[in-house]
C-alpha atoms as a PDB file:
ATOM      1  CA  MET A   1     -14.885   9.448  95.555  1.00  0.00           C
ATOM      2  CA  GLU A   2     -13.636   5.091  96.328  1.00  0.00           C
ATOM      3  CA  TYR A   3      -9.822   4.746  94.007  1.00  0.00           C
ATOM      4  CA  MET A   4      -9.503   1.080  93.247  1.00  0.00           C
ATOM      5  CA  GLN A   5      -6.350  -0.474  91.227  1.00  0.00           C
ATOM      6  CA  GLY A   6      -6.308  -4.112  89.568  1.00  0.00           C
ATOM      7  CA  LEU A   7      -8.601  -6.440  89.660  1.00  0.00           C
ATOM      8  CA  GLU A   8      -7.284  -8.140  92.949  1.00  0.00           C
ATOM      9  CA  ASN A   9     -10.266  -7.079  95.903  1.00  0.00           C
ATOM     10  CA  LEU A  10     -12.655  -5.720  92.943  1.00  0.00           C
ATOM     11  CA  TYR A  11     -15.779  -5.878  93.876  1.00  0.00           C
ATOM     12  CA  ILE A  12     -18.922  -3.343  94.126  1.00  0.00           C
ATOM     13  CA  ASN A  13     -21.661  -4.892  95.957  1.00  0.00           C
ATOM     14  CA  GLU A  14     -24.518  -1.964  94.579  1.00  0.00           C
ATOM     15  CA  ASP A  15     -26.348  -1.864  91.290  1.00  0.00           C
ATOM     16  CA  THR A  16     -23.795   0.608  89.376  1.00  0.00           C
ATOM     17  CA  ALA A  17     -23.763   2.746  86.412  1.00  0.00           C
ATOM     18  CA  VAL A  18     -20.305   2.083  84.794  1.00  0.00           C
ATOM     19  CA  THR A  19     -18.493   3.739  81.589  1.00  0.00           C
ATOM     20  CA  ILE A  20     -15.005   2.573  79.869  1.00  0.00           C
ATOM     21  CA  GLY A  21     -12.191   3.835  78.243  1.00  0.00           C
ATOM     22  CA  LYS A  22      -8.683   5.000  78.244  1.00  0.00           C
ATOM     23  CA  PHE A  23      -9.967   8.586  78.674  1.00  0.00           C
ATOM     24  CA  ASP A  24      -6.747  10.023  78.368  1.00  0.00           C
ATOM     25  CA  GLY A  25      -7.383  13.944  78.197  1.00  0.00           C
ATOM     26  CA  VAL A  26     -10.983  13.931  80.195  1.00  0.00           C
ATOM     27  CA  HIS A  27     -11.987  15.694  77.243  1.00  0.00           C
ATOM     28  CA  ARG A  28     -15.760  16.939  76.301  1.00  0.00           C
ATOM     29  CA  GLY A  29     -16.471  13.678  74.588  1.00  0.00           C
ATOM     30  CA  HIS A  30     -15.630  11.847  77.775  1.00  0.00           C
ATOM     31  CA  GLN A  31     -17.272  14.406  79.977  1.00  0.00           C
ATOM     32  CA  LYS A  32     -20.875  13.375  78.045  1.00  0.00           C
ATOM     33  CA  LEU A  33     -19.920   9.761  79.456  1.00  0.00           C
ATOM     34  CA  VAL A  34     -19.151  10.927  83.220  1.00  0.00           C
ATOM     35  CA  LYS A  35     -22.676  13.331  83.016  1.00  0.00           C
ATOM     36  CA  ARG A  36     -24.400  10.310  82.096  1.00  0.00           C
ATOM     37  CA  ILE A  37     -23.412   7.601  84.699  1.00  0.00           C
ATOM     38  CA  LEU A  38     -23.897  10.756  87.079  1.00  0.00           C
ATOM     39  CA  GLU A  39     -27.340  11.390  85.942  1.00  0.00           C
ATOM     40  CA  LEU A  40     -28.365   7.383  86.394  1.00  0.00           C
ATOM     41  CA  GLU A  41     -27.866   7.832  90.182  1.00  0.00           C
ATOM     42  CA  HIS A  42     -31.090   9.371  90.487  1.00  0.00           C
ATOM     43  CA  ARG A  43     -32.043   5.834  89.539  1.00  0.00           C
ATOM     44  CA  ASP A  44     -30.199   4.378  92.541  1.00  0.00           C
ATOM     45  CA  CYS A  45     -27.137   3.414  90.749  1.00  0.00           C
ATOM     46  CA  ARG A  46     -23.155   4.604  91.905  1.00  0.00           C
ATOM     47  CA  SER A  47     -21.324   6.011  89.232  1.00  0.00           C
ATOM     48  CA  VAL A  48     -18.134   3.708  88.126  1.00  0.00           C
ATOM     49  CA  ILE A  49     -15.686   5.014  85.791  1.00  0.00           C
ATOM     50  CA  VAL A  50     -13.243   2.189  84.487  1.00  0.00           C
ATOM     51  CA  THR A  51     -10.126   3.810  82.760  1.00  0.00           C
ATOM     52  CA  LEU A  52      -8.000   0.615  80.780  1.00  0.00           C
ATOM     53  CA  ASN A  53      -4.783   2.095  81.225  1.00  0.00           C
ATOM     54  CA  LYS A  54      -1.286   1.635  79.017  1.00  0.00           C
ATOM     55  CA  ASN A  55       1.876   2.995  79.926  1.00  0.00           C
ATOM     56  CA  SER A  56       3.194   4.996  77.261  1.00  0.00           C
ATOM     57  CA  THR A  57       4.569   8.296  76.493  1.00  0.00           C
ATOM     58  CA  GLY A  58       2.747  11.586  74.951  1.00  0.00           C
ATOM     59  CA  MET A  59      -0.501  11.255  77.308  1.00  0.00           C
ATOM     60  CA  LEU A  60      -2.640  14.495  78.308  1.00  0.00           C
ATOM     61  CA  LEU A  61      -2.696  13.797  81.456  1.00  0.00           C
ATOM     62  CA  THR A  62      -0.463  12.143  84.263  1.00  0.00           C
ATOM     63  CA  ASP A  63      -2.049   9.320  85.870  1.00  0.00           C
ATOM     64  CA  SER A  64      -2.150  11.809  89.023  1.00  0.00           C
ATOM     65  CA  GLU A  65      -3.600  14.269  87.190  1.00  0.00           C
ATOM     66  CA  LYS A  66      -6.622  12.167  85.472  1.00  0.00           C
ATOM     67  CA  ARG A  67      -7.559  10.803  88.669  1.00  0.00           C
ATOM     68  CA  GLU A  68      -7.920  14.277  90.074  1.00  0.00           C
ATOM     69  CA  ILE A  69      -9.817  15.636  87.504  1.00  0.00           C
ATOM     70  CA  LEU A  70     -12.356  12.335  87.676  1.00  0.00           C
ATOM     71  CA  LYS A  71     -12.199  12.972  91.390  1.00  0.00           C
ATOM     72  CA  ARG A  72     -13.403  16.496  90.581  1.00  0.00           C
ATOM     73  CA  THR A  73     -16.911  14.992  88.618  1.00  0.00           C
ATOM     74  CA  GLY A  74     -17.902  13.887  91.880  1.00  0.00           C
ATOM     75  CA  VAL A  75     -18.152   9.982  90.759  1.00  0.00           C
ATOM     76  CA  SER A  76     -18.112   7.295  92.939  1.00  0.00           C
ATOM     77  CA  PHE A  77     -15.833   4.781  91.953  1.00  0.00           C
ATOM     78  CA  LEU A  78     -12.653   5.182  89.986  1.00  0.00           C
ATOM     79  CA  ILE A  79     -11.101   1.639  89.117  1.00  0.00           C
ATOM     80  CA  ASP A  80      -7.710   1.670  87.334  1.00  0.00           C
ATOM     81  CA  CYS A  81      -7.512  -1.671  85.076  1.00  0.00           C
ATOM     82  CA  PRO A  82      -4.010  -1.590  83.698  1.00  0.00           C
ATOM     83  CA  PHE A  83      -2.722  -3.567  80.447  1.00  0.00           C
ATOM     84  CA  VAL A  84      -1.578  -6.539  82.122  1.00  0.00           C
ATOM     85  CA  PRO A  85      -2.433  -9.891  80.597  1.00  0.00           C
ATOM     86  CA  GLU A  86      -5.189 -11.380  82.578  1.00  0.00           C
ATOM     87  CA  ILE A  87      -6.705  -8.127  81.060  1.00  0.00           C
ATOM     88  CA  VAL A  88      -5.510  -7.832  77.489  1.00  0.00           C
ATOM     89  CA  GLN A  89      -6.005 -11.613  76.936  1.00  0.00           C
ATOM     90  CA  MET A  90      -9.773 -11.721  78.349  1.00  0.00           C
ATOM     91  CA  SER A  91     -12.606 -12.183  74.952  1.00  0.00           C
ATOM     92  CA  PRO A  92     -15.017  -9.233  75.205  1.00  0.00           C
ATOM     93  CA  GLU A  93     -17.998 -11.831  76.305  1.00  0.00           C
ATOM     94  CA  VAL A  94     -15.135 -12.759  79.738  1.00  0.00           C
ATOM     95  CA  PHE A  95     -14.710  -9.086  80.065  1.00  0.00           C
ATOM     96  CA  VAL A  96     -18.176  -8.393  80.188  1.00  0.00           C
ATOM     97  CA  ARG A  97     -19.511 -11.226  82.473  1.00  0.00           C
ATOM     98  CA  GLU A  98     -16.356 -11.445  84.972  1.00  0.00           C
ATOM     99  CA  ILE A  99     -15.571  -7.653  85.458  1.00  0.00           C
ATOM    100  CA  LEU A 100     -18.500  -5.655  84.389  1.00  0.00           C
ATOM    101  CA  VAL A 101     -21.587  -7.787  85.648  1.00  0.00           C
ATOM    102  CA  ARG A 102     -20.344  -9.685  88.553  1.00  0.00           C
ATOM    103  CA  LYS A 103     -17.843  -7.845  90.116  1.00  0.00           C
ATOM    104  CA  LEU A 104     -19.059  -4.306  89.014  1.00  0.00           C
ATOM    105  CA  HIS A 105     -22.950  -5.197  89.157  1.00  0.00           C
ATOM    106  CA  ALA A 106     -23.442  -3.134  85.785  1.00  0.00           C
ATOM    107  CA  ARG A 107     -27.099  -2.400  85.797  1.00  0.00           C
ATOM    108  CA  TYR A 108     -26.250   0.227  83.025  1.00  0.00           C
ATOM    109  CA  ILE A 109     -23.019   0.143  80.810  1.00  0.00           C
ATOM    110  CA  ILE A 110     -22.072   3.962  78.876  1.00  0.00           C
ATOM    111  CA  VAL A 111     -20.020   4.283  75.901  1.00  0.00           C
ATOM    112  CA  GLY A 112     -18.684   6.222  72.682  1.00  0.00           C
ATOM    113  CA  GLU A 113     -19.579   5.006  69.247  1.00  0.00           C
ATOM    114  CA  ASP A 114     -15.933   4.087  68.734  1.00  0.00           C
ATOM    115  CA  PHE A 115     -15.222   1.877  71.961  1.00  0.00           C
ATOM    116  CA  ARG A 116     -13.715  -1.484  71.664  1.00  0.00           C
ATOM    117  CA  PHE A 117     -12.973  -3.575  74.315  1.00  0.00           C
ATOM    118  CA  GLY A 118     -11.385  -7.329  75.263  1.00  0.00           C
ATOM    119  CA  TYR A 119      -8.987  -9.191  73.753  1.00  0.00           C
ATOM    120  CA  GLU A 120      -7.277  -7.783  69.933  1.00  0.00           C
ATOM    121  CA  ARG A 121      -9.708  -5.239  70.698  1.00  0.00           C
ATOM    122  CA  GLN A 122     -12.862  -7.522  69.262  1.00  0.00           C
ATOM    123  CA  GLY A 123     -15.458  -6.513  71.006  1.00  0.00           C
ATOM    124  CA  ASP A 124     -17.179  -3.274  70.060  1.00  0.00           C
ATOM    125  CA  CYS A 125     -20.829  -1.469  71.187  1.00  0.00           C
ATOM    126  CA  ASN A 126     -22.434  -4.423  68.950  1.00  0.00           C
ATOM    127  CA  THR A 127     -20.650  -7.340  71.086  1.00  0.00           C
ATOM    128  CA  LEU A 128     -22.125  -5.144  74.039  1.00  0.00           C
ATOM    129  CA  MET A 129     -25.870  -4.940  72.427  1.00  0.00           C
ATOM    130  CA  GLU A 130     -25.742  -8.784  72.018  1.00  0.00           C
ATOM    131  CA  LEU A 131     -24.611  -9.781  75.036  1.00  0.00           C
ATOM    132  CA  GLN A 132     -27.017  -6.826  76.800  1.00  0.00           C
ATOM    133  CA  LYS A 133     -30.041  -8.955  77.124  1.00  0.00           C
ATOM    134  CA  LYS A 134     -27.878 -12.116  78.044  1.00  0.00           C
ATOM    135  CA  TYR A 135     -26.113 -10.717  81.514  1.00  0.00           C
ATOM    136  CA  GLY A 136     -29.366  -8.298  82.446  1.00  0.00           C
ATOM    137  CA  PHE A 137     -27.989  -4.619  81.675  1.00  0.00           C
ATOM    138  CA  CYS A 138     -28.828  -1.879  79.827  1.00  0.00           C
ATOM    139  CA  LEU A 139     -26.382  -0.199  76.517  1.00  0.00           C
ATOM    140  CA  GLU A 140     -26.279   3.158  75.891  1.00  0.00           C
ATOM    141  CA  VAL A 141     -23.993   4.429  73.650  1.00  0.00           C
ATOM    142  CA  ILE A 142     -23.276   8.317  73.604  1.00  0.00           C
ATOM    143  CA  LYS A 143     -22.700   9.821  70.177  1.00  0.00           C
ATOM    144  CA  LYS A 144     -19.604  11.950  69.754  1.00  0.00           C
ATOM    145  CA  GLU A 145     -19.135  15.557  70.852  1.00  0.00           C
ATOM    146  CA  GLN A 146     -18.004  17.760  67.901  1.00  0.00           C
ATOM    147  CA  TYR A 147     -16.899  20.901  67.468  1.00  0.00           C
ATOM    148  CA  GLN A 148     -17.233  22.595  64.261  1.00  0.00           C
ATOM    149  CA  GLY A 149     -17.959  19.800  62.720  1.00  0.00           C
ATOM    150  CA  ASN A 150     -15.091  17.756  63.663  1.00  0.00           C
ATOM    151  CA  ASP A 151     -15.606  14.708  66.147  1.00  0.00           C
ATOM    152  CA  ILE A 152     -13.313  15.574  69.161  1.00  0.00           C
ATOM    153  CA  SER A 153     -11.030  13.678  70.343  1.00  0.00           C
ATOM    154  CA  SER A 154      -7.645  12.772  72.381  1.00  0.00           C
ATOM    155  CA  SER A 155      -5.647  12.339  68.832  1.00  0.00           C
ATOM    156  CA  TYR A 156      -7.321  15.573  67.578  1.00  0.00           C
ATOM    157  CA  ILE A 157      -6.582  17.699  70.829  1.00  0.00           C
ATOM    158  CA  LYS A 158      -2.794  15.721  70.682  1.00  0.00           C
ATOM    159  CA  GLN A 159      -2.835  17.381  67.038  1.00  0.00           C
ATOM    160  CA  GLU A 160      -3.760  20.445  67.720  1.00  0.00           C
ATOM    161  CA  LEU A 161      -1.775  20.742  70.721  1.00  0.00           C
ATOM    162  CA  LYS A 162       1.780  19.876  68.832  1.00  0.00           C
ATOM    163  CA  LYS A 163       0.919  23.044  67.004  1.00  0.00           C
ATOM    164  CA  GLY A 164       0.628  25.678  69.984  1.00  0.00           C
ATOM    165  CA  SER A 165      -2.909  26.249  69.417  1.00  0.00           C
ATOM    166  CA  MET A 166      -3.487  26.438  72.945  1.00  0.00           C
ATOM    167  CA  LYS A 167      -7.302  28.210  72.575  1.00  0.00           C
ATOM    168  CA  LEU A 168      -8.477  25.513  70.344  1.00  0.00           C
ATOM    169  CA  VAL A 169      -6.898  22.794  72.795  1.00  0.00           C
ATOM    170  CA  ASN A 170      -8.661  24.093  75.730  1.00  0.00           C
ATOM    171  CA  THR A 171     -12.053  24.617  73.619  1.00  0.00           C
ATOM    172  CA  LEU A 172     -11.758  20.773  72.986  1.00  0.00           C
ATOM    173  CA  LEU A 173     -10.967  19.700  76.428  1.00  0.00           C
ATOM    174  CA  GLY A 174     -13.337  21.888  78.138  1.00  0.00           C
ATOM    175  CA  TYR A 175     -10.950  23.267  80.849  1.00  0.00           C
ATOM    176  CA  PRO A 176      -7.079  25.080  80.724  1.00  0.00           C
ATOM    177  CA  TYR A 177      -4.356  22.640  79.675  1.00  0.00           C
ATOM    178  CA  PHE A 178      -2.304  22.501  82.499  1.00  0.00           C
ATOM    179  CA  VAL A 179       1.104  20.572  83.870  1.00  0.00           C
ATOM    180  CA  SER A 180       1.148  20.044  87.379  1.00  0.00           C
ATOM    181  CA  GLY A 181       4.650  19.278  89.869  1.00  0.00           C
ATOM    182  CA  GLU A 182       6.883  20.282  92.592  1.00  0.00           C
ATOM    183  CA  VAL A 183       8.462  23.400  92.343  1.00  0.00           C
ATOM    184  CA  LEU A 184      12.278  22.308  91.786  1.00  0.00           C
ATOM    185  CA  HIS A 185      15.343  24.588  92.680  1.00  0.00           C
ATOM    186  CA  GLY A 186      16.610  26.144  89.224  1.00  0.00           C
ATOM    187  CA  ARG A 187      20.107  28.069  88.679  1.00  0.00           C
ATOM    188  CA  LYS A 188      18.023  31.025  89.561  1.00  0.00           C
ATOM    189  CA  ILE A 189      18.984  33.171  86.644  1.00  0.00           C
ATOM    190  CA  GLY A 190      15.270  34.715  86.520  1.00  0.00           C
ATOM    191  CA  ARG A 191      16.164  35.930  90.369  1.00  0.00           C
ATOM    192  CA  THR A 192      19.452  37.690  88.986  1.00  0.00           C
ATOM    193  CA  LEU A 193      17.430  39.357  86.467  1.00  0.00           C
ATOM    194  CA  GLY A 194      14.793  40.458  88.940  1.00  0.00           C
ATOM    195  CA  MET A 195      12.556  38.606  87.732  1.00  0.00           C
ATOM    196  CA  PRO A 196      12.372  35.555  90.087  1.00  0.00           C
ATOM    197  CA  THR A 197      10.866  32.074  88.666  1.00  0.00           C
ATOM    198  CA  THR A 198       8.936  28.749  89.563  1.00  0.00           C
ATOM    199  CA  ASN A 199      10.588  25.448  87.695  1.00  0.00           C
ATOM    200  CA  LEU A 200       9.015  22.169  87.147  1.00  0.00           C
ATOM    201  CA  ILE A 201      10.354  19.085  85.467  1.00  0.00           C
ATOM    202  CA  PRO A 202       7.454  17.813  83.859  1.00  0.00           C
ATOM    203  CA  THR A 203       7.343  13.681  83.418  1.00  0.00           C
ATOM    204  CA  THR A 204       8.460  12.008  80.458  1.00  0.00           C
ATOM    205  CA  ASN A 205       5.212  10.935  79.460  1.00  0.00           C
ATOM    206  CA  LYS A 206       3.344  14.033  79.290  1.00  0.00           C
ATOM    207  CA  LEU A 207       2.734  15.487  76.269  1.00  0.00           C
ATOM    208  CA  LEU A 208       3.973  19.241  75.800  1.00  0.00           C
ATOM    209  CA  PRO A 209       2.945  22.036  73.173  1.00  0.00           C
ATOM    210  CA  PRO A 210       6.209  23.188  71.459  1.00  0.00           C
ATOM    211  CA  ASN A 211       9.045  25.023  73.127  1.00  0.00           C
ATOM    212  CA  GLY A 212       7.802  28.543  73.860  1.00  0.00           C
ATOM    213  CA  VAL A 213       6.248  31.347  75.879  1.00  0.00           C
ATOM    214  CA  TYR A 214       2.754  31.461  77.264  1.00  0.00           C
ATOM    215  CA  VAL A 215       0.625  33.271  79.218  1.00  0.00           C
ATOM    216  CA  SER A 216      -0.453  31.366  81.793  1.00  0.00           C
ATOM    217  CA  ASN A 217      -2.267  30.955  85.185  1.00  0.00           C
ATOM    218  CA  THR A 218      -0.604  29.144  88.347  1.00  0.00           C
ATOM    219  CA  PHE A 219      -2.709  27.745  90.976  1.00  0.00           C
ATOM    220  CA  ILE A 220      -1.220  27.007  94.462  1.00  0.00           C
ATOM    221  CA  GLY A 221      -3.617  25.595  96.063  1.00  0.00           C
ATOM    222  CA  LYS A 222      -6.848  26.945  95.053  1.00  0.00           C
ATOM    223  CA  GLU A 223      -5.504  30.535  95.006  1.00  0.00           C
ATOM    224  CA  CYS A 224      -4.975  31.606  91.102  1.00  0.00           C
ATOM    225  CA  PHE A 225      -1.858  33.867  89.911  1.00  0.00           C
ATOM    226  CA  HIS A 226      -1.469  35.144  86.551  1.00  0.00           C
ATOM    227  CA  GLY A 227       1.424  34.938  84.802  1.00  0.00           C
ATOM    228  CA  VAL A 228       3.974  33.911  81.900  1.00  0.00           C
ATOM    229  CA  THR A 229       5.550  30.195  81.423  1.00  0.00           C
ATOM    230  CA  ASN A 230       8.212  29.569  78.947  1.00  0.00           C
ATOM    231  CA  ILE A 231       8.737  25.993  78.033  1.00  0.00           C
ATOM    232  CA  GLY A 232      12.276  24.635  76.693  1.00  0.00           C
ATOM    233  CA  CYS A 233      15.422  23.982  77.486  1.00  0.00           C
ATOM    234  CA  LYS A 234      16.884  27.690  78.014  1.00  0.00           C
ATOM    235  CA  PRO A 235      19.408  27.972  75.213  1.00  0.00           C
ATOM    236  CA  THR A 236      20.896  31.106  76.466  1.00  0.00           C
ATOM    237  CA  ILE A 237      21.747  29.843  79.319  1.00  0.00           C
ATOM    238  CA  GLY A 238      21.902  26.341  77.943  1.00  0.00           C
ATOM    239  CA  GLU A 239      19.849  23.469  80.141  1.00  0.00           C
ATOM    240  CA  ALA A 240      20.318  20.055  79.265  1.00  0.00           C
ATOM    241  CA  PHE A 241      16.920  19.349  80.149  1.00  0.00           C
ATOM    242  CA  ARG A 242      13.226  20.569  79.237  1.00  0.00           C
ATOM    243  CA  GLY A 243      11.853  22.495  81.154  1.00  0.00           C
ATOM    244  CA  ILE A 244       9.221  24.702  82.686  1.00  0.00           C
ATOM    245  CA  GLU A 245       9.710  28.119  83.853  1.00  0.00           C
ATOM    246  CA  THR A 246       7.245  30.329  85.181  1.00  0.00           C
ATOM    247  CA  TYR A 247       6.842  34.601  85.947  1.00  0.00           C
ATOM    248  CA  ILE A 248       4.019  34.764  88.530  1.00  0.00           C
ATOM    249  CA  PHE A 249       3.127  38.504  88.331  1.00  0.00           C
ATOM    250  CA  ASP A 250       3.736  40.498  91.630  1.00  0.00           C
ATOM    251  CA  PHE A 251       4.631  37.503  93.824  1.00  0.00           C
ATOM    252  CA  ASP A 252       8.020  36.782  95.284  1.00  0.00           C
ATOM    253  CA  LYS A 253       7.281  34.151  97.804  1.00  0.00           C
ATOM    254  CA  ASP A 254       9.234  30.473  98.320  1.00  0.00           C
ATOM    255  CA  LEU A 255       7.279  28.067  96.670  1.00  0.00           C
ATOM    256  CA  TYR A 256      10.341  25.442  97.080  1.00  0.00           C
ATOM    257  CA  GLY A 257       8.615  21.580  97.591  1.00  0.00           C
ATOM    258  CA  GLU A 258       5.302  22.890  96.879  1.00  0.00           C
ATOM    259  CA  THR A 259       2.849  21.417  94.313  1.00  0.00           C
ATOM    260  CA  ILE A 260       1.434  23.545  91.995  1.00  0.00           C
ATOM    261  CA  GLU A 261      -0.670  23.642  88.807  1.00  0.00           C
ATOM    262  CA  ILE A 262      -0.179  25.562  85.501  1.00  0.00           C
ATOM    263  CA  GLN A 263      -2.304  26.235  82.838  1.00  0.00           C
ATOM    264  CA  LEU A 264      -1.159  27.469  79.604  1.00  0.00           C
ATOM    265  CA  LEU A 265      -3.761  29.764  78.047  1.00  0.00           C
ATOM    266  CA  GLU A 266      -2.116  31.149  75.123  1.00  0.00           C
ATOM    267  CA  PHE A 267       1.214  30.828  73.258  1.00  0.00           C
ATOM    268  CA  LYS A 268       2.965  33.716  72.321  1.00  0.00           C
ATOM    269  CA  ARG A 269       6.434  32.997  70.917  1.00  0.00           C
ATOM    270  CA  ARG A 270       8.805  30.409  70.084  1.00  0.00           C
ATOM    271  CA  GLU A 271      12.029  29.754  72.347  1.00  0.00           C
ATOM    272  CA  MET A 272      14.386  31.704  71.691  1.00  0.00           C
ATOM    273  CA  LYS A 273      18.612  31.836  71.951  1.00  0.00           C
ATOM    274  CA  PHE A 274      19.814  35.204  72.936  1.00  0.00           C
ATOM    275  CA  HIS A 275      23.382  36.714  73.045  1.00  0.00           C
ATOM    276  CA  SER A 276      23.453  37.967  76.411  1.00  0.00           C
ATOM    277  CA  LEU A 277      21.590  37.839  79.525  1.00  0.00           C
ATOM    278  CA  ASP A 278      20.993  41.545  78.983  1.00  0.00           C
ATOM    279  CA  LYS A 279      19.125  40.679  75.700  1.00  0.00           C
ATOM    280  CA  LEU A 280      17.337  37.937  77.555  1.00  0.00           C
ATOM    281  CA  LYS A 281      15.699  40.181  79.922  1.00  0.00           C
ATOM    282  CA  GLU A 282      14.976  42.781  77.726  1.00  0.00           C
ATOM    283  CA  GLN A 283      12.860  40.287  76.384  1.00  0.00           C
ATOM    284  CA  MET A 284      11.295  39.383  79.010  1.00  0.00           C
ATOM    285  CA  HIS A 285      10.137  42.291  80.076  1.00  0.00           C
ATOM    286  CA  LYS A 286       8.475  42.214  76.717  1.00  0.00           C
ATOM    287  CA  ASP A 287       7.037  38.697  77.381  1.00  0.00           C
ATOM    288  CA  ILE A 288       5.534  39.896  81.014  1.00  0.00           C
ATOM    289  CA  SER A 289       3.977  43.177  79.082  1.00  0.00           C
ATOM    290  CA  LEU A 290       2.391  41.206  76.667  1.00  0.00           C
ATOM    291  CA  GLY A 291       1.043  38.731  79.570  1.00  0.00           C
ATOM    292  CA  ARG A 292      -0.487  41.890  81.419  1.00  0.00           C
ATOM    293  CA  GLU A 293      -2.286  42.820  78.083  1.00  0.00           C
ATOM    294  CA  TYR A 294      -3.646  39.652  77.796  1.00  0.00           C
ATOM    295  CA  PHE A 295      -5.107  39.197  81.612  1.00  0.00           C
ATOM    296  CA  ASN A 296      -6.379  43.362  81.187  1.00  0.00           C
ATOM    297  CA  GLU A 297      -8.283  42.571  78.058  1.00  0.00           C
END
């Protein structure tokens, strides 16, 4: 996959099949769009994803996580279009003519039913329908993917993530919700309790489920390890920040400085404050037992 950012030097000298959107979460609805542009490569078109990114908090994926997931789909090009003035202030027709047609040579444009674009979001599917004959592209509007009668959307997934409904979140996404990052040095409390853990501090724009304990998978490279993860501020020892601490079953290697991915599979309990480290250790053993039971089932 070739990655391009911004408008400078943006040009593809081949016919393309383009899909456009925020792609926050790259959920099952987004995956329908990606699948379609990949199918159109059989008509001598290169597949192109244009992501319209606005810096904000509460995102399902960081920019690097989104890029990695889209890379795995096998698309030819990923174009990151930040919300800069020259993009934000473009009229819908100028965006189509200058970006999609002249720079990207779009022969096919694939969008969802609720797609909006251009200055003050004035453009929609009807706009594209009117412009396709003028500029010679073919428009396909893909219906919303649904789950149990509800449209799958980033806002729906965020709503369920805030509740800790990980099974539903992962079903809507089509893959396990995850947090990635570099393993940092912690206070080594887990190691003193005989249960060494890995520690991550997520970026501030990453949306996390409620503080508490989750059954998790940890990916180190391509290897997967089972375990349990605590999200929160560790009230028993009093951390000043919200972190992610994972105990990996039957694992005691030094991971400091390694980049890992932690998948959150099921919520088990809320974060709690204990009166002593002995009580914390007792609860950690219970959490580990529940985690092992989950994987044995």
